């Protein structure tokens, strides 16, 4: 929800778009409750 991708919860990972994948990867990084976010080419694809 924080990254605007709540509708993807049960979607197969292989069936999401490039932009959706980047939001999922960002959500995964945020789940660590980080002090520092390191984003390598966050708009790739």
ModelCIF file with pLDDT and N, C-alpha, C, O atoms, coordinates in Angstrom:
data_MODEL
#
_entry.id   MODEL 
#
_entity.id                         1 
_entity.type                       polymer 
_entity.pdbx_number_of_molecules   1 
#
_entity_poly.entity_id                      1 
_entity_poly.type                           'polypeptide(L)' 
_entity_poly.nstd_linkage                   no 
_entity_poly.nstd_monomer                   no 
_entity_poly.pdbx_seq_one_letter_code       
;(UNK)(UNK)(UNK)(UNK)(UNK)(UNK)(UNK)(UNK)(UNK)(UNK)(UNK)(UNK)(UNK)(UNK)(UNK)(UNK)
(UNK)(UNK)(UNK)(UNK)(UNK)(UNK)(UNK)(UNK)(UNK)(UNK)(UNK)(UNK)(UNK)(UNK)(UNK)(UNK)
(UNK)(UNK)(UNK)(UNK)(UNK)(UNK)(UNK)(UNK)(UNK)(UNK)(UNK)(UNK)(UNK)
;
_entity_poly.pdbx_seq_one_letter_code_can   XXXXXXXXXXXXXXXXXXXXXXXXXXXXXXXXXXXXXXXXXXXXX 
_entity_poly.pdbx_strand_id                 A 
#
loop_
_entity_poly_seq.entity_id 
_entity_poly_seq.num 
_entity_poly_seq.mon_id 
_entity_poly_seq.hetero 
1 1  UNK n 
1 2  UNK n 
1 3  UNK n 
1 4  UNK n 
1 5  UNK n 
1 6  UNK n 
1 7  UNK n 
1 8  UNK n 
1 9  UNK n 
1 10 UNK n 
1 11 UNK n 
1 12 UNK n 
1 13 UNK n 
1 14 UNK n 
1 15 UNK n 
1 16 UNK n 
1 17 UNK n 
1 18 UNK n 
1 19 UNK n 
1 20 UNK n 
1 21 UNK n 
1 22 UNK n 
1 23 UNK n 
1 24 UNK n 
1 25 UNK n 
1 26 UNK n 
1 27 UNK n 
1 28 UNK n 
1 29 UNK n 
1 30 UNK n 
1 31 UNK n 
1 32 UNK n 
1 33 UNK n 
1 34 UNK n 
1 35 UNK n 
1 36 UNK n 
1 37 UNK n 
1 38 UNK n 
1 39 UNK n 
1 40 UNK n 
1 41 UNK n 
1 42 UNK n 
1 43 UNK n 
1 44 UNK n 
1 45 UNK n 
#
_struct_asym.id          A 
_struct_asym.entity_id   1 
#
loop_
_ma_qa_metric.id 
_ma_qa_metric.mode 
_ma_qa_metric.name 
_ma_qa_metric.software_group_id 
_ma_qa_metric.type 
1 global pLDDT . pLDDT 
2 local  pLDDT . pLDDT 
#
_ma_qa_metric_global.metric_id      1 
_ma_qa_metric_global.metric_value   93.24 
_ma_qa_metric_global.model_id       1 
_ma_qa_metric_global.ordinal_id     1 
#
loop_
_ma_qa_metric_local.label_asym_id 
_ma_qa_metric_local.label_comp_id 
_ma_qa_metric_local.label_seq_id 
_ma_qa_metric_local.metric_id 
_ma_qa_metric_local.metric_value 
_ma_qa_metric_local.model_id 
_ma_qa_metric_local.ordinal_id 
A UNK 1  2 97.00 1 1  
A UNK 2  2 96.00 1 2  
A UNK 3  2 96.00 1 3  
A UNK 4  2 95.00 1 4  
A UNK 5  2 96.00 1 5  
A UNK 6  2 95.00 1 6  
A UNK 7  2 96.00 1 7  
A UNK 8  2 97.00 1 8  
A UNK 9  2 96.00 1 9  
A UNK 10 2 95.00 1 10 
A UNK 11 2 95.00 1 11 
A UNK 12 2 92.00 1 12 
A UNK 13 2 90.00 1 13 
A UNK 14 2 87.00 1 14 
A UNK 15 2 89.00 1 15 
A UNK 16 2 91.00 1 16 
A UNK 17 2 90.00 1 17 
A UNK 18 2 88.00 1 18 
A UNK 19 2 90.00 1 19 
A UNK 20 2 93.00 1 20 
A UNK 21 2 92.00 1 21 
A UNK 22 2 93.00 1 22 
A UNK 23 2 94.00 1 23 
A UNK 24 2 95.00 1 24 
A UNK 25 2 95.00 1 25 
A UNK 26 2 96.00 1 26 
A UNK 27 2 96.00 1 27 
A UNK 28 2 95.00 1 28 
A UNK 29 2 95.00 1 29 
A UNK 30 2 95.00 1 30 
A UNK 31 2 93.00 1 31 
A UNK 32 2 91.00 1 32 
A UNK 33 2 95.00 1 33 
A UNK 34 2 96.00 1 34 
A UNK 35 2 97.00 1 35 
A UNK 36 2 98.00 1 36 
A UNK 37 2 97.00 1 37 
A UNK 38 2 98.00 1 38 
A UNK 39 2 96.00 1 39 
A UNK 40 2 93.00 1 40 
A UNK 41 2 90.00 1 41 
A UNK 42 2 91.00 1 42 
A UNK 43 2 87.00 1 43 
A UNK 44 2 84.00 1 44 
A UNK 45 2 80.00 1 45 
#
loop_
_atom_site.group_PDB 
_atom_site.id 
_atom_site.type_symbol 
_atom_site.label_atom_id 
_atom_site.label_alt_id 
_atom_site.label_comp_id 
_atom_site.label_asym_id 
_atom_site.label_entity_id 
_atom_site.label_seq_id 
_atom_site.pdbx_PDB_ins_code 
_atom_site.Cartn_x 
_atom_site.Cartn_y 
_atom_site.Cartn_z 
_atom_site.occupancy 
_atom_site.B_iso_or_equiv 
_atom_site.pdbx_formal_charge 
_atom_site.auth_seq_id 
_atom_site.auth_comp_id 
_atom_site.auth_asym_id 
_atom_site.auth_atom_id 
_atom_site.pdbx_PDB_model_num 
ATOM 1   N N  . UNK A 1 1  ? 0.836  -1.208  0.000   1.00 97.00 ? 1  UNK A N  1 
ATOM 2   C CA . UNK A 1 1  ? 0.000  0.000   0.000   1.00 97.00 ? 1  UNK A CA 1 
ATOM 3   C C  . UNK A 1 1  ? 0.869  1.255   0.000   1.00 97.00 ? 1  UNK A C  1 
ATOM 4   O O  . UNK A 1 1  ? 0.549  2.243   -0.662  1.00 97.00 ? 1  UNK A O  1 
ATOM 5   N N  . UNK A 1 2  ? 1.968  1.207   0.748   1.00 96.00 ? 2  UNK A N  1 
ATOM 6   C CA . UNK A 1 2  ? 2.834  2.381   0.832   1.00 96.00 ? 2  UNK A CA 1 
ATOM 7   C C  . UNK A 1 2  ? 3.418  2.769   -0.521  1.00 96.00 ? 2  UNK A C  1 
ATOM 8   O O  . UNK A 1 2  ? 3.665  3.946   -0.784  1.00 96.00 ? 2  UNK A O  1 
ATOM 9   N N  . UNK A 1 3  ? 3.638  1.771   -1.379  1.00 96.00 ? 3  UNK A N  1 
ATOM 10  C CA . UNK A 1 3  ? 4.224  2.056   -2.690  1.00 96.00 ? 3  UNK A CA 1 
ATOM 11  C C  . UNK A 1 3  ? 3.180  2.062   -3.799  1.00 96.00 ? 3  UNK A C  1 
ATOM 12  O O  . UNK A 1 3  ? 3.526  2.127   -4.979  1.00 96.00 ? 3  UNK A O  1 
ATOM 13  N N  . UNK A 1 4  ? 1.908  1.994   -3.426  1.00 95.00 ? 4  UNK A N  1 
ATOM 14  C CA . UNK A 1 4  ? 0.838  2.052   -4.416  1.00 95.00 ? 4  UNK A CA 1 
ATOM 15  C C  . UNK A 1 4  ? 0.698  0.795   -5.247  1.00 95.00 ? 4  UNK A C  1 
ATOM 16  O O  . UNK A 1 4  ? 0.333  0.863   -6.420  1.00 95.00 ? 4  UNK A O  1 
ATOM 17  N N  . UNK A 1 5  ? 0.988  -0.366  -4.646  1.00 96.00 ? 5  UNK A N  1 
ATOM 18  C CA . UNK A 1 5  ? 0.946  -1.624  -5.396  1.00 96.00 ? 5  UNK A CA 1 
ATOM 19  C C  . UNK A 1 5  ? 0.124  -2.682  -4.671  1.00 96.00 ? 5  UNK A C  1 
ATOM 20  O O  . UNK A 1 5  ? 0.395  -3.875  -4.809  1.00 96.00 ? 5  UNK A O  1 
ATOM 21  N N  . UNK A 1 6  ? -0.886 -2.257  -3.892  1.00 95.00 ? 6  UNK A N  1 
ATOM 22  C CA . UNK A 1 6  ? -1.655 -3.205  -3.075  1.00 95.00 ? 6  UNK A CA 1 
ATOM 23  C C  . UNK A 1 6  ? -2.432 -4.216  -3.900  1.00 95.00 ? 6  UNK A C  1 
ATOM 24  O O  . UNK A 1 6  ? -2.737 -5.302  -3.407  1.00 95.00 ? 6  UNK A O  1 
ATOM 25  N N  . UNK A 1 7  ? -2.764 -3.882  -5.158  1.00 96.00 ? 7  UNK A N  1 
ATOM 26  C CA . UNK A 1 7  ? -3.544 -4.792  -5.991  1.00 96.00 ? 7  UNK A CA 1 
ATOM 27  C C  . UNK A 1 7  ? -2.707 -5.968  -6.505  1.00 96.00 ? 7  UNK A C  1 
ATOM 28  O O  . UNK A 1 7  ? -3.251 -6.901  -7.096  1.00 96.00 ? 7  UNK A O  1 
ATOM 29  N N  . UNK A 1 8  ? -1.405 -5.929  -6.287  1.00 97.00 ? 8  UNK A N  1 
ATOM 30  C CA . UNK A 1 8  ? -0.519 -6.966  -6.833  1.00 97.00 ? 8  UNK A CA 1 
ATOM 31  C C  . UNK A 1 8  ? -0.302 -8.137  -5.891  1.00 97.00 ? 8  UNK A C  1 
ATOM 32  O O  . UNK A 1 8  ? 0.408  -9.078  -6.243  1.00 97.00 ? 8  UNK A O  1 
ATOM 33  N N  . UNK A 1 9  ? -0.888 -8.106  -4.714  1.00 96.00 ? 9  UNK A N  1 
ATOM 34  C CA . UNK A 1 9  ? -0.551 -9.046  -3.647  1.00 96.00 ? 9  UNK A CA 1 
ATOM 35  C C  . UNK A 1 9  ? -0.483 -10.495 -4.111  1.00 96.00 ? 9  UNK A C  1 
ATOM 36  O O  . UNK A 1 9  ? 0.498  -11.184 -3.831  1.00 96.00 ? 9  UNK A O  1 
ATOM 37  N N  . UNK A 1 10 ? -1.502 -10.967 -4.812  1.00 95.00 ? 10 UNK A N  1 
ATOM 38  C CA . UNK A 1 10 ? -1.558 -12.378 -5.209  1.00 95.00 ? 10 UNK A CA 1 
ATOM 39  C C  . UNK A 1 10 ? -1.231 -12.591 -6.687  1.00 95.00 ? 10 UNK A C  1 
ATOM 40  O O  . UNK A 1 10 ? -1.465 -13.673 -7.227  1.00 95.00 ? 10 UNK A O  1 
ATOM 41  N N  . UNK A 1 11 ? -0.698 -11.576 -7.329  1.00 95.00 ? 11 UNK A N  1 
ATOM 42  C CA . UNK A 1 11 ? -0.333 -11.717 -8.745  1.00 95.00 ? 11 UNK A CA 1 
ATOM 43  C C  . UNK A 1 11 ? 0.967  -12.504 -8.872  1.00 95.00 ? 11 UNK A C  1 
ATOM 44  O O  . UNK A 1 11 ? 1.870  -12.337 -8.053  1.00 95.00 ? 11 UNK A O  1 
ATOM 45  N N  . UNK A 1 12 ? 1.075  -13.370 -9.899  1.00 92.00 ? 12 UNK A N  1 
ATOM 46  C CA . UNK A 1 12 ? 2.363  -14.017 -10.165 1.00 92.00 ? 12 UNK A CA 1 
ATOM 47  C C  . UNK A 1 12 ? 3.414  -12.963 -10.492 1.00 92.00 ? 12 UNK A C  1 
ATOM 48  O O  . UNK A 1 12 ? 3.153  -12.022 -11.241 1.00 92.00 ? 12 UNK A O  1 
ATOM 49  N N  . UNK A 1 13 ? 4.589  -13.128 -9.930  1.00 90.00 ? 13 UNK A N  1 
ATOM 50  C CA . UNK A 1 13 ? 5.650  -12.140 -10.111 1.00 90.00 ? 13 UNK A CA 1 
ATOM 51  C C  . UNK A 1 13 ? 6.015  -11.969 -11.590 1.00 90.00 ? 13 UNK A C  1 
ATOM 52  O O  . UNK A 1 13 ? 6.402  -10.885 -12.028 1.00 90.00 ? 13 UNK A O  1 
ATOM 53  N N  . UNK A 1 14 ? 5.883  -13.070 -12.353 1.00 87.00 ? 14 UNK A N  1 
ATOM 54  C CA . UNK A 1 14 ? 6.250  -13.019 -13.763 1.00 87.00 ? 14 UNK A CA 1 
ATOM 55  C C  . UNK A 1 14 ? 5.254  -12.239 -14.612 1.00 87.00 ? 14 UNK A C  1 
ATOM 56  O O  . UNK A 1 14 ? 5.545  -11.908 -15.761 1.00 87.00 ? 14 UNK A O  1 
ATOM 57  N N  . UNK A 1 15 ? 4.079  -11.941 -14.057 1.00 89.00 ? 15 UNK A N  1 
ATOM 58  C CA . UNK A 1 15 ? 3.021  -11.300 -14.844 1.00 89.00 ? 15 UNK A CA 1 
ATOM 59  C C  . UNK A 1 15 ? 2.822  -9.825  -14.519 1.00 89.00 ? 15 UNK A C  1 
ATOM 60  O O  . UNK A 1 15 ? 1.789  -9.254  -14.868 1.00 89.00 ? 15 UNK A O  1 
ATOM 61  N N  . UNK A 1 16 ? 3.776  -9.209  -13.868 1.00 91.00 ? 16 UNK A N  1 
ATOM 62  C CA . UNK A 1 16 ? 3.631  -7.793  -13.573 1.00 91.00 ? 16 UNK A CA 1 
ATOM 63  C C  . UNK A 1 16 ? 4.563  -6.988  -14.476 1.00 91.00 ? 16 UNK A C  1 
ATOM 64  O O  . UNK A 1 16 ? 5.550  -7.510  -14.994 1.00 91.00 ? 16 UNK A O  1 
ATOM 65  N N  . UNK A 1 17 ? 4.236  -5.720  -14.656 1.00 90.00 ? 17 UNK A N  1 
ATOM 66  C CA . UNK A 1 17 ? 5.001  -4.856  -15.558 1.00 90.00 ? 17 UNK A CA 1 
ATOM 67  C C  . UNK A 1 17 ? 6.310  -4.413  -14.920 1.00 90.00 ? 17 UNK A C  1 
ATOM 68  O O  . UNK A 1 17 ? 6.564  -4.655  -13.741 1.00 90.00 ? 17 UNK A O  1 
ATOM 69  N N  . UNK A 1 18 ? 7.142  -3.748  -15.745 1.00 88.00 ? 18 UNK A N  1 
ATOM 70  C CA . UNK A 1 18 ? 8.414  -3.251  -15.226 1.00 88.00 ? 18 UNK A CA 1 
ATOM 71  C C  . UNK A 1 18 ? 8.227  -2.242  -14.106 1.00 88.00 ? 18 UNK A C  1 
ATOM 72  O O  . UNK A 1 18 ? 8.933  -2.282  -13.098 1.00 88.00 ? 18 UNK A O  1 
ATOM 73  N N  . UNK A 1 19 ? 7.273  -1.339  -14.288 1.00 90.00 ? 19 UNK A N  1 
ATOM 74  C CA . UNK A 1 19 ? 7.011  -0.350  -13.240 1.00 90.00 ? 19 UNK A CA 1 
ATOM 75  C C  . UNK A 1 19 ? 6.475  -0.980  -11.978 1.00 90.00 ? 19 UNK A C  1 
ATOM 76  O O  . UNK A 1 19 ? 6.833  -0.574  -10.872 1.00 90.00 ? 19 UNK A O  1 
ATOM 77  N N  . UNK A 1 20 ? 5.605  -1.988  -12.140 1.00 93.00 ? 20 UNK A N  1 
ATOM 78  C CA . UNK A 1 20 ? 5.066  -2.700  -10.974 1.00 93.00 ? 20 UNK A CA 1 
ATOM 79  C C  . UNK A 1 20 ? 6.163  -3.458  -10.245 1.00 93.00 ? 20 UNK A C  1 
ATOM 80  O O  . UNK A 1 20 ? 6.179  -3.508  -9.015  1.00 93.00 ? 20 UNK A O  1 
ATOM 81  N N  . UNK A 1 21 ? 7.085  -4.051  -11.005 1.00 92.00 ? 21 UNK A N  1 
ATOM 82  C CA . UNK A 1 21 ? 8.196  -4.779  -10.386 1.00 92.00 ? 21 UNK A CA 1 
ATOM 83  C C  . UNK A 1 21 ? 9.058  -3.844  -9.547  1.00 92.00 ? 21 UNK A C  1 
ATOM 84  O O  . UNK A 1 21 ? 9.479  -4.210  -8.450  1.00 92.00 ? 21 UNK A O  1 
ATOM 85  N N  . UNK A 1 22 ? 9.325  -2.641  -10.053 1.00 93.00 ? 22 UNK A N  1 
ATOM 86  C CA . UNK A 1 22 ? 10.140 -1.701  -9.295  1.00 93.00 ? 22 UNK A CA 1 
ATOM 87  C C  . UNK A 1 22 ? 9.459  -1.304  -7.988  1.00 93.00 ? 22 UNK A C  1 
ATOM 88  O O  . UNK A 1 22 ? 10.129 -1.129  -6.970  1.00 93.00 ? 22 UNK A O  1 
ATOM 89  N N  . UNK A 1 23 ? 8.146  -1.163  -8.008  1.00 94.00 ? 23 UNK A N  1 
ATOM 90  C CA . UNK A 1 23 ? 7.419  -0.835  -6.781  1.00 94.00 ? 23 UNK A CA 1 
ATOM 91  C C  . UNK A 1 23 ? 7.444  -2.007  -5.793  1.00 94.00 ? 23 UNK A C  1 
ATOM 92  O O  . UNK A 1 23 ? 7.523  -1.803  -4.581  1.00 94.00 ? 23 UNK A O  1 
ATOM 93  N N  . UNK A 1 24 ? 7.377  -3.219  -6.312  1.00 95.00 ? 24 UNK A N  1 
ATOM 94  C CA . UNK A 1 24 ? 7.461  -4.399  -5.443  1.00 95.00 ? 24 UNK A CA 1 
ATOM 95  C C  . UNK A 1 24 ? 8.847  -4.483  -4.805  1.00 95.00 ? 24 UNK A C  1 
ATOM 96  O O  . UNK A 1 24 ? 8.968  -4.763  -3.613  1.00 95.00 ? 24 UNK A O  1 
ATOM 97  N N  . UNK A 1 25 ? 9.887  -4.242  -5.594  1.00 95.00 ? 25 UNK A N  1 
ATOM 98  C CA . UNK A 1 25 ? 11.248 -4.263  -5.049  1.00 95.00 ? 25 UNK A CA 1 
ATOM 99  C C  . UNK A 1 25 ? 11.439 -3.163  -4.007  1.00 95.00 ? 25 UNK A C  1 
ATOM 100 O O  . UNK A 1 25 ? 12.132 -3.357  -3.008  1.00 95.00 ? 25 UNK A O  1 
ATOM 101 N N  . UNK A 1 26 ? 10.824 -2.016  -4.248  1.00 96.00 ? 26 UNK A N  1 
ATOM 102 C CA . UNK A 1 26 ? 10.899 -0.933  -3.266  1.00 96.00 ? 26 UNK A CA 1 
ATOM 103 C C  . UNK A 1 26 ? 10.172 -1.316  -1.987  1.00 96.00 ? 26 UNK A C  1 
ATOM 104 O O  . UNK A 1 26 ? 10.658 -1.043  -0.889  1.00 96.00 ? 26 UNK A O  1 
ATOM 105 N N  . UNK A 1 27 ? 9.005  -1.950  -2.123  1.00 96.00 ? 27 UNK A N  1 
ATOM 106 C CA . UNK A 1 27 ? 8.263  -2.414  -0.945  1.00 96.00 ? 27 UNK A CA 1 
ATOM 107 C C  . UNK A 1 27 ? 9.105  -3.407  -0.143  1.00 96.00 ? 27 UNK A C  1 
ATOM 108 O O  . UNK A 1 27 ? 9.123  -3.356  1.087   1.00 96.00 ? 27 UNK A O  1 
ATOM 109 N N  . UNK A 1 28 ? 9.787  -4.291  -0.825  1.00 95.00 ? 28 UNK A N  1 
ATOM 110 C CA . UNK A 1 28 ? 10.630 -5.292  -0.145  1.00 95.00 ? 28 UNK A CA 1 
ATOM 111 C C  . UNK A 1 28 ? 11.742 -4.616  0.653   1.00 95.00 ? 28 UNK A C  1 
ATOM 112 O O  . UNK A 1 28 ? 12.050 -5.029  1.771   1.00 95.00 ? 28 UNK A O  1 
ATOM 113 N N  . UNK A 1 29 ? 12.347 -3.568  0.070   1.00 95.00 ? 29 UNK A N  1 
ATOM 114 C CA . UNK A 1 29 ? 13.390 -2.827  0.786   1.00 95.00 ? 29 UNK A CA 1 
ATOM 115 C C  . UNK A 1 29 ? 12.815 -2.120  2.002   1.00 95.00 ? 29 UNK A C  1 
ATOM 116 O O  . UNK A 1 29 ? 13.462 -2.055  3.047   1.00 95.00 ? 29 UNK A O  1 
ATOM 117 N N  . UNK A 1 30 ? 11.601 -1.588  1.873   1.00 95.00 ? 30 UNK A N  1 
ATOM 118 C CA . UNK A 1 30 ? 10.981 -0.841  2.970   1.00 95.00 ? 30 UNK A CA 1 
ATOM 119 C C  . UNK A 1 30 ? 10.530 -1.738  4.114   1.00 95.00 ? 30 UNK A C  1 
ATOM 120 O O  . UNK A 1 30 ? 10.421 -1.286  5.254   1.00 95.00 ? 30 UNK A O  1 
ATOM 121 N N  . UNK A 1 31 ? 10.269 -3.000  3.819   1.00 93.00 ? 31 UNK A N  1 
ATOM 122 C CA . UNK A 1 31 ? 9.827  -3.921  4.869   1.00 93.00 ? 31 UNK A CA 1 
ATOM 123 C C  . UNK A 1 31 ? 10.895 -4.132  5.942   1.00 93.00 ? 31 UNK A C  1 
ATOM 124 O O  . UNK A 1 31 ? 10.598 -4.633  7.026   1.00 93.00 ? 31 UNK A O  1 
ATOM 125 N N  . UNK A 1 32 ? 12.116 -3.756  5.646   1.00 91.00 ? 32 UNK A N  1 
ATOM 126 C CA . UNK A 1 32 ? 13.193 -3.853  6.634   1.00 91.00 ? 32 UNK A CA 1 
ATOM 127 C C  . UNK A 1 32 ? 13.179 -2.680  7.613   1.00 91.00 ? 32 UNK A C  1 
ATOM 128 O O  . UNK A 1 32 ? 14.011 -2.611  8.518   1.00 91.00 ? 32 UNK A O  1 
ATOM 129 N N  . UNK A 1 33 ? 12.225 -1.753  7.428   1.00 95.00 ? 33 UNK A N  1 
ATOM 130 C CA . UNK A 1 33 ? 12.176 -0.535  8.262   1.00 95.00 ? 33 UNK A CA 1 
ATOM 131 C C  . UNK A 1 33 ? 13.552 0.134   8.280   1.00 95.00 ? 33 UNK A C  1 
ATOM 132 O O  . UNK A 1 33 ? 14.142 0.330   9.342   1.00 95.00 ? 33 UNK A O  1 
ATOM 133 N N  . UNK A 1 34 ? 14.059 0.483   7.085   1.00 96.00 ? 34 UNK A N  1 
ATOM 134 C CA . UNK A 1 34 ? 15.454 0.920   6.994   1.00 96.00 ? 34 UNK A CA 1 
ATOM 135 C C  . UNK A 1 34 ? 15.689 2.346   7.476   1.00 96.00 ? 34 UNK A C  1 
ATOM 136 O O  . UNK A 1 34 ? 14.819 3.210   7.371   1.00 96.00 ? 34 UNK A O  1 
ATOM 137 N N  . UNK A 1 35 ? 16.886 2.567   8.007   1.00 97.00 ? 35 UNK A N  1 
ATOM 138 C CA . UNK A 1 35 ? 17.381 3.911   8.252   1.00 97.00 ? 35 UNK A CA 1 
ATOM 139 C C  . UNK A 1 35 ? 17.907 4.511   6.951   1.00 97.00 ? 35 UNK A C  1 
ATOM 140 O O  . UNK A 1 35 ? 17.843 5.720   6.729   1.00 97.00 ? 35 UNK A O  1 
ATOM 141 N N  . UNK A 1 36 ? 18.436 3.617   6.088   1.00 98.00 ? 36 UNK A N  1 
ATOM 142 C CA . UNK A 1 36 ? 19.009 4.029   4.811   1.00 98.00 ? 36 UNK A CA 1 
ATOM 143 C C  . UNK A 1 36 ? 18.448 3.159   3.706   1.00 98.00 ? 36 UNK A C  1 
ATOM 144 O O  . UNK A 1 36 ? 18.460 1.932   3.802   1.00 98.00 ? 36 UNK A O  1 
ATOM 145 N N  . UNK A 1 37 ? 17.951 3.802   2.647   1.00 97.00 ? 37 UNK A N  1 
ATOM 146 C CA . UNK A 1 37 ? 17.501 3.106   1.444   1.00 97.00 ? 37 UNK A CA 1 
ATOM 147 C C  . UNK A 1 37 ? 18.567 3.260   0.369   1.00 97.00 ? 37 UNK A C  1 
ATOM 148 O O  . UNK A 1 37 ? 18.982 4.378   0.065   1.00 97.00 ? 37 UNK A O  1 
ATOM 149 N N  . UNK A 1 38 ? 19.009 2.157   -0.206  1.00 98.00 ? 38 UNK A N  1 
ATOM 150 C CA . UNK A 1 38 ? 19.955 2.200   -1.321  1.00 98.00 ? 38 UNK A CA 1 
ATOM 151 C C  . UNK A 1 38 ? 19.227 1.698   -2.556  1.00 98.00 ? 38 UNK A C  1 
ATOM 152 O O  . UNK A 1 38 ? 18.822 0.538   -2.619  1.00 98.00 ? 38 UNK A O  1 
ATOM 153 N N  . UNK A 1 39 ? 19.063 2.576   -3.534  1.00 96.00 ? 39 UNK A N  1 
ATOM 154 C CA . UNK A 1 39 ? 18.258 2.282   -4.722  1.00 96.00 ? 39 UNK A CA 1 
ATOM 155 C C  . UNK A 1 39 ? 19.156 2.308   -5.953  1.00 96.00 ? 39 UNK A C  1 
ATOM 156 O O  . UNK A 1 39 ? 19.658 3.360   -6.347  1.00 96.00 ? 39 UNK A O  1 
ATOM 157 N N  . UNK A 1 40 ? 19.351 1.141   -6.551  1.00 93.00 ? 40 UNK A N  1 
ATOM 158 C CA . UNK A 1 40 ? 20.215 1.018   -7.724  1.00 93.00 ? 40 UNK A CA 1 
ATOM 159 C C  . UNK A 1 40 ? 19.363 1.092   -8.985  1.00 93.00 ? 40 UNK A C  1 
ATOM 160 O O  . UNK A 1 40 ? 18.648 0.143   -9.309  1.00 93.00 ? 40 UNK A O  1 
ATOM 161 N N  . UNK A 1 41 ? 19.435 2.213   -9.696  1.00 90.00 ? 41 UNK A N  1 
ATOM 162 C CA . UNK A 1 41 ? 18.638 2.439   -10.904 1.00 90.00 ? 41 UNK A CA 1 
ATOM 163 C C  . UNK A 1 41 ? 17.158 2.136   -10.654 1.00 90.00 ? 41 UNK A C  1 
ATOM 164 O O  . UNK A 1 41 ? 16.613 1.212   -11.258 1.00 90.00 ? 41 UNK A O  1 
ATOM 165 N N  . UNK A 1 42 ? 16.505 2.891   -9.781  1.00 91.00 ? 42 UNK A N  1 
ATOM 166 C CA . UNK A 1 42 ? 15.125 2.555   -9.390  1.00 91.00 ? 42 UNK A CA 1 
ATOM 167 C C  . UNK A 1 42 ? 14.100 2.665   -10.498 1.00 91.00 ? 42 UNK A C  1 
ATOM 168 O O  . UNK A 1 42 ? 13.004 2.121   -10.360 1.00 91.00 ? 42 UNK A O  1 
ATOM 169 N N  . UNK A 1 43 ? 14.410 3.356   -11.608 1.00 87.00 ? 43 UNK A N  1 
ATOM 170 C CA . UNK A 1 43 ? 13.419 3.470   -12.688 1.00 87.00 ? 43 UNK A CA 1 
ATOM 171 C C  . UNK A 1 43 ? 13.779 2.589   -13.875 1.00 87.00 ? 43 UNK A C  1 
ATOM 172 O O  . UNK A 1 43 ? 13.306 2.817   -14.989 1.00 87.00 ? 43 UNK A O  1 
ATOM 173 N N  . UNK A 1 44 ? 14.618 1.579   -13.639 1.00 84.00 ? 44 UNK A N  1 
ATOM 174 C CA . UNK A 1 44 ? 15.007 0.641   -14.690 1.00 84.00 ? 44 UNK A CA 1 
ATOM 175 C C  . UNK A 1 44 ? 13.774 -0.036  -15.283 1.00 84.00 ? 44 UNK A C  1 
ATOM 176 O O  . UNK A 1 44 ? 12.980 -0.625  -14.549 1.00 84.00 ? 44 UNK A O  1 
ATOM 177 N N  . UNK A 1 45 ? 13.607 0.044   -16.609 1.00 80.00 ? 45 UNK A N  1 
ATOM 178 C CA . UNK A 1 45 ? 12.508 -0.637  -17.276 1.00 80.00 ? 45 UNK A CA 1 
ATOM 179 C C  . UNK A 1 45 ? 11.148 -0.005  -17.071 1.00 80.00 ? 45 UNK A C  1 
ATOM 180 O O  . UNK A 1 45 ? 10.151 -0.503  -17.594 1.00 80.00 ? 45 UNK A O  1 
#
